[in-house]
PDB file of N, CA and C in Angstrom:
ATOM      1  N   MET A   1      -0.355 138.766 127.971  1.00  0.00           N
ATOM      2  CA  MET A   1       0.099 137.231 127.442  1.00  0.00           C
ATOM      3  C   MET A   1       1.326 137.237 127.100  1.00  0.00           C
ATOM      4  N   ILE A   2       1.901 138.295 126.383  1.00  0.00           N
ATOM      5  CA  ILE A   2       3.390 138.047 126.206  1.00  0.00           C
ATOM      6  C   ILE A   2       4.196 138.029 127.478  1.00  0.00           C
ATOM      7  N   GLU A   3       3.833 138.934 128.472  1.00  0.00           N
ATOM      8  CA  GLU A   3       4.604 138.889 129.713  1.00  0.00           C
ATOM      9  C   GLU A   3       4.448 137.471 130.401  1.00  0.00           C
ATOM     10  N   ILE A   4       3.404 136.815 130.115  1.00  0.00           N
ATOM     11  CA  ILE A   4       3.257 135.217 130.905  1.00  0.00           C
ATOM     12  C   ILE A   4       4.140 134.413 130.105  1.00  0.00           C
ATOM     13  N   LEU A   5       4.219 134.452 128.695  1.00  0.00           N
ATOM     14  CA  LEU A   5       5.014 133.768 128.017  1.00  0.00           C
ATOM     15  C   LEU A   5       6.526 133.999 128.220  1.00  0.00           C
ATOM     16  N   GLU A   6       6.808 135.110 128.278  1.00  0.00           N
ATOM     17  CA  GLU A   6       8.290 135.603 128.632  1.00  0.00           C
ATOM     18  C   GLU A   6       8.687 135.012 129.949  1.00  0.00           C
ATOM     19  N   ARG A   7       7.784 135.231 131.223  1.00  0.00           N
ATOM     20  CA  ARG A   7       8.078 134.411 132.442  1.00  0.00           C
ATOM     21  C   ARG A   7       8.325 132.955 132.209  1.00  0.00           C
ATOM     22  N   THR A   8       7.284 132.346 131.482  1.00  0.00           N
ATOM     23  CA  THR A   8       7.566 130.937 131.305  1.00  0.00           C
ATOM     24  C   THR A   8       8.858 130.419 130.590  1.00  0.00           C
ATOM     25  N   LEU A   9       9.188 131.304 129.641  1.00  0.00           N
ATOM     26  CA  LEU A   9      10.473 130.898 128.864  1.00  0.00           C
ATOM     27  C   LEU A   9      11.595 130.896 129.635  1.00  0.00           C
ATOM     28  N   LYS A  10      11.588 132.044 130.715  1.00  0.00           N
ATOM     29  CA  LYS A  10      12.541 132.190 131.789  1.00  0.00           C
ATOM     30  C   LYS A  10      12.780 130.938 132.562  1.00  0.00           C
ATOM     31  N   ARG A  11      11.693 130.785 133.172  1.00  0.00           N
ATOM     32  CA  ARG A  11      11.476 129.459 134.163  1.00  0.00           C
ATOM     33  C   ARG A  11      11.985 128.234 133.802  1.00  0.00           C
ATOM     34  N   HIS A  12      11.771 128.004 132.315  1.00  0.00           N
ATOM     35  CA  HIS A  12      11.705 126.738 131.782  1.00  0.00           C
ATOM     36  C   HIS A  12      12.779 126.578 130.561  1.00  0.00           C
ATOM     37  N   PRO A  13      14.089 126.985 130.515  1.00  0.00           N
ATOM     38  CA  PRO A  13      15.000 127.151 129.672  1.00  0.00           C
ATOM     39  C   PRO A  13      15.135 125.977 128.726  1.00  0.00           C
ATOM     40  N   LYS A  14      14.979 124.687 129.454  1.00  0.00           N
ATOM     41  CA  LYS A  14      15.316 123.377 128.583  1.00  0.00           C
ATOM     42  C   LYS A  14      14.092 122.823 127.908  1.00  0.00           C
ATOM     43  N   THR A  15      12.894 123.701 128.038  1.00  0.00           N
ATOM     44  CA  THR A  15      11.896 123.271 127.348  1.00  0.00           C
ATOM     45  C   THR A  15      11.660 123.926 125.958  1.00  0.00           C
ATOM     46  N   THR A  16      11.332 123.415 124.957  1.00  0.00           N
ATOM     47  CA  THR A  16      11.073 123.874 123.620  1.00  0.00           C
ATOM     48  C   THR A  16       9.561 124.391 123.502  1.00  0.00           C
ATOM     49  N   PHE A  17       9.400 125.690 123.235  1.00  0.00           N
ATOM     50  CA  PHE A  17       7.983 126.346 123.016  1.00  0.00           C
ATOM     51  C   PHE A  17       7.942 126.755 121.468  1.00  0.00           C
ATOM     52  N   VAL A  18       6.886 126.430 120.943  1.00  0.00           N
ATOM     53  CA  VAL A  18       6.412 127.023 119.918  1.00  0.00           C
ATOM     54  C   VAL A  18       4.995 127.915 119.881  1.00  0.00           C
ATOM     55  N   ALA A  19       5.289 129.059 119.528  1.00  0.00           N
ATOM     56  CA  ALA A  19       4.269 129.919 119.952  1.00  0.00           C
ATOM     57  C   ALA A  19       3.449 130.079 118.460  1.00  0.00           C
ATOM     58  N   CYS A  20       2.129 129.797 118.333  1.00  0.00           N
ATOM     59  CA  CYS A  20       1.514 129.742 117.080  1.00  0.00           C
ATOM     60  C   CYS A  20       1.039 131.216 116.928  1.00  0.00           C
ATOM     61  N   HIS A  21       0.811 131.606 115.536  1.00  0.00           N
ATOM     62  CA  HIS A  21       0.317 132.660 115.265  1.00  0.00           C
ATOM     63  C   HIS A  21       1.070 133.975 115.660  1.00  0.00           C
ATOM     64  N   PHE A  22       2.445 133.713 115.225  1.00  0.00           N
ATOM     65  CA  PHE A  22       3.353 134.693 115.444  1.00  0.00           C
ATOM     66  C   PHE A  22       3.479 135.432 116.907  1.00  0.00           C
ATOM     67  N   ALA A  23       3.009 134.328 117.618  1.00  0.00           N
ATOM     68  CA  ALA A  23       2.837 134.733 119.188  1.00  0.00           C
ATOM     69  C   ALA A  23       1.903 135.735 119.432  1.00  0.00           C
ATOM     70  N   ASN A  24       1.015 135.929 118.398  1.00  0.00           N
ATOM     71  CA  ASN A  24       0.152 137.064 118.427  1.00  0.00           C
ATOM     72  C   ASN A  24       0.945 138.445 118.426  1.00  0.00           C
ATOM     73  N   LEU A  25       2.077 138.501 117.820  1.00  0.00           N
ATOM     74  CA  LEU A  25       3.028 139.753 117.563  1.00  0.00           C
ATOM     75  C   LEU A  25       3.099 139.943 116.360  1.00  0.00           C
ATOM     76  N   ASP A  26       2.252 139.598 115.375  1.00  0.00           N
ATOM     77  CA  ASP A  26       2.328 139.982 114.035  1.00  0.00           C
ATOM     78  C   ASP A  26       2.447 141.359 113.526  1.00  0.00           C
ATOM     79  N   PHE A  27       1.823 142.201 114.512  1.00  0.00           N
ATOM     80  CA  PHE A  27       1.759 143.669 114.514  1.00  0.00           C
ATOM     81  C   PHE A  27       3.065 144.334 115.119  1.00  0.00           C
ATOM     82  N   ASP A  28       3.897 143.476 115.729  1.00  0.00           N
ATOM     83  CA  ASP A  28       4.984 143.995 116.311  1.00  0.00           C
ATOM     84  C   ASP A  28       6.173 143.305 116.257  1.00  0.00           C
ATOM     85  N   LEU A  29       6.879 142.911 115.102  1.00  0.00           N
ATOM     86  CA  LEU A  29       7.823 141.777 114.827  1.00  0.00           C
ATOM     87  C   LEU A  29       9.103 142.250 115.554  1.00  0.00           C
ATOM     88  N   GLY A  30       9.361 143.528 115.830  1.00  0.00           N
ATOM     89  CA  GLY A  30      10.525 143.983 116.628  1.00  0.00           C
ATOM     90  C   GLY A  30      10.430 143.140 117.999  1.00  0.00           C
ATOM     91  N   ARG A  31       9.568 143.384 118.614  1.00  0.00           N
ATOM     92  CA  ARG A  31       9.272 142.777 119.954  1.00  0.00           C
ATOM     93  C   ARG A  31       9.391 141.459 119.854  1.00  0.00           C
ATOM     94  N   LEU A  32       8.884 140.678 118.838  1.00  0.00           N
ATOM     95  CA  LEU A  32       8.913 139.178 118.773  1.00  0.00           C
ATOM     96  C   LEU A  32      10.424 138.862 118.347  1.00  0.00           C
ATOM     97  N   GLY A  33      11.007 139.601 117.801  1.00  0.00           N
ATOM     98  CA  GLY A  33      12.585 139.463 117.312  1.00  0.00           C
ATOM     99  C   GLY A  33      13.242 139.314 118.646  1.00  0.00           C
ATOM    100  N   LYS A  34      13.089 140.447 119.560  1.00  0.00           N
ATOM    101  CA  LYS A  34      13.792 140.348 120.701  1.00  0.00           C
ATOM    102  C   LYS A  34      13.436 139.314 121.600  1.00  0.00           C
ATOM    103  N   LEU A  35      12.385 138.674 121.713  1.00  0.00           N
ATOM    104  CA  LEU A  35      12.020 137.454 122.361  1.00  0.00           C
ATOM    105  C   LEU A  35      12.811 136.196 121.757  1.00  0.00           C
ATOM    106  N   LEU A  36      12.755 136.118 120.396  1.00  0.00           N
ATOM    107  CA  LEU A  36      13.316 135.125 119.676  1.00  0.00           C
ATOM    108  C   LEU A  36      15.104 135.117 120.125  1.00  0.00           C
ATOM    109  N   ASP A  37      15.404 136.464 120.021  1.00  0.00           N
ATOM    110  CA  ASP A  37      16.998 136.581 120.189  1.00  0.00           C
ATOM    111  C   ASP A  37      17.341 136.240 121.961  1.00  0.00           C
ATOM    112  N   ALA A  38      16.577 136.522 122.627  1.00  0.00           N
ATOM    113  CA  ALA A  38      16.703 136.236 124.028  1.00  0.00           C
ATOM    114  C   ALA A  38      16.210 134.772 124.546  1.00  0.00           C
ATOM    115  N   TYR A  39      15.620 134.201 123.931  1.00  0.00           N
ATOM    116  CA  TYR A  39      15.250 132.601 124.253  1.00  0.00           C
ATOM    117  C   TYR A  39      15.367 131.812 123.076  1.00  0.00           C
ATOM    118  N   PRO A  40      16.555 131.040 123.127  1.00  0.00           N
ATOM    119  CA  PRO A  40      16.775 130.181 122.125  1.00  0.00           C
ATOM    120  C   PRO A  40      15.858 128.855 122.000  1.00  0.00           C
ATOM    121  N   ASN A  41      14.867 128.765 123.093  1.00  0.00           N
ATOM    122  CA  ASN A  41      14.005 127.639 123.260  1.00  0.00           C
ATOM    123  C   ASN A  41      12.660 128.106 122.634  1.00  0.00           C
ATOM    124  N   LEU A  42      12.602 129.243 122.049  1.00  0.00           N
ATOM    125  CA  LEU A  42      11.293 129.752 121.441  1.00  0.00           C
ATOM    126  C   LEU A  42      11.164 129.554 119.952  1.00  0.00           C
ATOM    127  N   TYR A  43      10.027 129.262 119.365  1.00  0.00           N
ATOM    128  CA  TYR A  43      10.110 128.967 118.047  1.00  0.00           C
ATOM    129  C   TYR A  43       8.784 129.571 117.560  1.00  0.00           C
ATOM    130  N   VAL A  44       8.381 129.962 116.415  1.00  0.00           N
ATOM    131  CA  VAL A  44       7.234 130.730 116.281  1.00  0.00           C
ATOM    132  C   VAL A  44       6.737 130.026 114.749  1.00  0.00           C
ATOM    133  N   ASP A  45       5.380 129.710 114.866  1.00  0.00           N
ATOM    134  CA  ASP A  45       4.644 129.314 113.765  1.00  0.00           C
ATOM    135  C   ASP A  45       3.963 130.551 113.020  1.00  0.00           C
ATOM    136  N   THR A  46       4.407 130.820 111.800  1.00  0.00           N
ATOM    137  CA  THR A  46       3.923 132.085 111.087  1.00  0.00           C
ATOM    138  C   THR A  46       2.737 131.679 110.212  1.00  0.00           C
ATOM    139  N   SER A  47       2.378 130.768 110.056  1.00  0.00           N
ATOM    140  CA  SER A  47       1.473 130.155 108.729  1.00  0.00           C
ATOM    141  C   SER A  47      -0.248 131.270 109.198  1.00  0.00           C
ATOM    142  N   ALA A  48      -0.606 130.885 110.259  1.00  0.00           N
ATOM    143  CA  ALA A  48      -2.069 131.576 110.424  1.00  0.00           C
ATOM    144  C   ALA A  48      -2.003 133.040 110.526  1.00  0.00           C
ATOM    145  N   ARG A  49      -0.940 133.711 110.739  1.00  0.00           N
ATOM    146  CA  ARG A  49      -0.970 135.264 110.604  1.00  0.00           C
ATOM    147  C   ARG A  49      -0.181 136.145 109.477  1.00  0.00           C
ATOM    148  N   PHE A  50       0.404 135.021 108.666  1.00  0.00           N
ATOM    149  CA  PHE A  50       1.164 135.702 107.523  1.00  0.00           C
ATOM    150  C   PHE A  50       0.446 136.619 106.667  1.00  0.00           C
ATOM    151  N   GLY A  51      -0.789 136.685 106.496  1.00  0.00           N
ATOM    152  CA  GLY A  51      -1.586 137.741 105.527  1.00  0.00           C
ATOM    153  C   GLY A  51      -1.556 139.177 106.417  1.00  0.00           C
ATOM    154  N   GLU A  52      -1.634 139.096 107.785  1.00  0.00           N
ATOM    155  CA  GLU A  52      -1.544 140.298 108.379  1.00  0.00           C
ATOM    156  C   GLU A  52      -0.018 140.991 108.151  1.00  0.00           C
ATOM    157  N   THR A  53       0.868 140.317 108.003  1.00  0.00           N
ATOM    158  CA  THR A  53       2.209 140.881 108.054  1.00  0.00           C
ATOM    159  C   THR A  53       2.413 141.814 106.388  1.00  0.00           C
ATOM    160  N   ALA A  54       1.440 141.484 105.664  1.00  0.00           N
ATOM    161  CA  ALA A  54       1.433 142.107 104.375  1.00  0.00           C
ATOM    162  C   ALA A  54       1.480 143.888 104.260  1.00  0.00           C
ATOM    163  N   ALA A  55       1.222 144.056 105.157  1.00  0.00           N
ATOM    164  CA  ALA A  55       1.188 145.814 105.431  1.00  0.00           C
ATOM    165  C   ALA A  55       2.435 146.265 105.636  1.00  0.00           C
ATOM    166  N   ALA A  56       3.501 145.458 105.984  1.00  0.00           N
ATOM    167  CA  ALA A  56       4.870 145.851 106.017  1.00  0.00           C
ATOM    168  C   ALA A  56       5.829 144.915 105.383  1.00  0.00           C
ATOM    169  N   PRO A  57       5.744 144.825 104.206  1.00  0.00           N
ATOM    170  CA  PRO A  57       6.605 143.600 103.200  1.00  0.00           C
ATOM    171  C   PRO A  57       8.061 143.639 103.775  1.00  0.00           C
ATOM    172  N   ARG A  58       8.698 144.954 103.758  1.00  0.00           N
ATOM    173  CA  ARG A  58      10.089 145.144 103.824  1.00  0.00           C
ATOM    174  C   ARG A  58      10.469 144.452 105.362  1.00  0.00           C
ATOM    175  N   SER A  59       9.740 144.795 106.381  1.00  0.00           N
ATOM    176  CA  SER A  59      10.308 144.518 107.641  1.00  0.00           C
ATOM    177  C   SER A  59       9.895 143.047 107.853  1.00  0.00           C
ATOM    178  N   THR A  60       8.834 142.525 107.242  1.00  0.00           N
ATOM    179  CA  THR A  60       8.334 141.148 107.329  1.00  0.00           C
ATOM    180  C   THR A  60       9.528 140.292 106.756  1.00  0.00           C
ATOM    181  N   ILE A  61      10.074 140.690 105.377  1.00  0.00           N
ATOM    182  CA  ILE A  61      10.964 139.734 104.622  1.00  0.00           C
ATOM    183  C   ILE A  61      12.230 139.729 105.489  1.00  0.00           C
ATOM    184  N   LYS A  62      12.671 140.916 106.216  1.00  0.00           N
ATOM    185  CA  LYS A  62      13.948 141.060 107.082  1.00  0.00           C
ATOM    186  C   LYS A  62      13.631 140.093 108.172  1.00  0.00           C
ATOM    187  N   PHE A  63      12.441 140.209 108.986  1.00  0.00           N
ATOM    188  CA  PHE A  63      12.233 139.147 110.004  1.00  0.00           C
ATOM    189  C   PHE A  63      12.531 137.853 109.607  1.00  0.00           C
ATOM    190  N   LEU A  64      11.469 137.623 108.584  1.00  0.00           N
ATOM    191  CA  LEU A  64      11.622 136.111 108.088  1.00  0.00           C
ATOM    192  C   LEU A  64      13.001 135.400 107.657  1.00  0.00           C
ATOM    193  N   THR A  65      13.715 136.375 107.029  1.00  0.00           N
ATOM    194  CA  THR A  65      15.220 136.156 106.882  1.00  0.00           C
ATOM    195  C   THR A  65      16.138 135.893 107.853  1.00  0.00           C
ATOM    196  N   LYS A  66      16.066 136.754 109.033  1.00  0.00           N
ATOM    197  CA  LYS A  66      16.711 136.525 110.159  1.00  0.00           C
ATOM    198  C   LYS A  66      16.402 135.338 110.890  1.00  0.00           C
ATOM    199  N   TYR A  67      15.079 135.073 111.026  1.00  0.00           N
ATOM    200  CA  TYR A  67      14.735 133.996 111.971  1.00  0.00           C
ATOM    201  C   TYR A  67      14.333 132.674 111.232  1.00  0.00           C
ATOM    202  N   ALA A  68      14.478 132.632 110.106  1.00  0.00           N
ATOM    203  CA  ALA A  68      14.083 131.244 109.362  1.00  0.00           C
ATOM    204  C   ALA A  68      14.887 130.241 109.848  1.00  0.00           C
ATOM    205  N   GLY A  69      14.299 129.106 110.107  1.00  0.00           N
ATOM    206  CA  GLY A  69      15.050 127.937 110.754  1.00  0.00           C
ATOM    207  C   GLY A  69      15.855 127.378 109.279  1.00  0.00           C
ATOM    208  N   GLY A  70      16.941 126.612 109.816  1.00  0.00           N
ATOM    209  CA  GLY A  70      17.610 126.125 108.496  1.00  0.00           C
ATOM    210  C   GLY A  70      18.289 124.999 108.631  1.00  0.00           C
TER     211      GLY A  70
END
């Protein structure tokens, strides 16, 4: 699914995408961060999977601080 998302982001750079549930990458925030860095048209909803990130609080706060909208 992530490969499909990435291909779509590449094909439609002028379209804004919002990936819900951490784009199902709540277990791999490094990979999600790479997508966010590569595609400025990608935004992520974090609410539904926030609890799953509790297992790695330091990396989660680092991720959220870096990618928080402002």
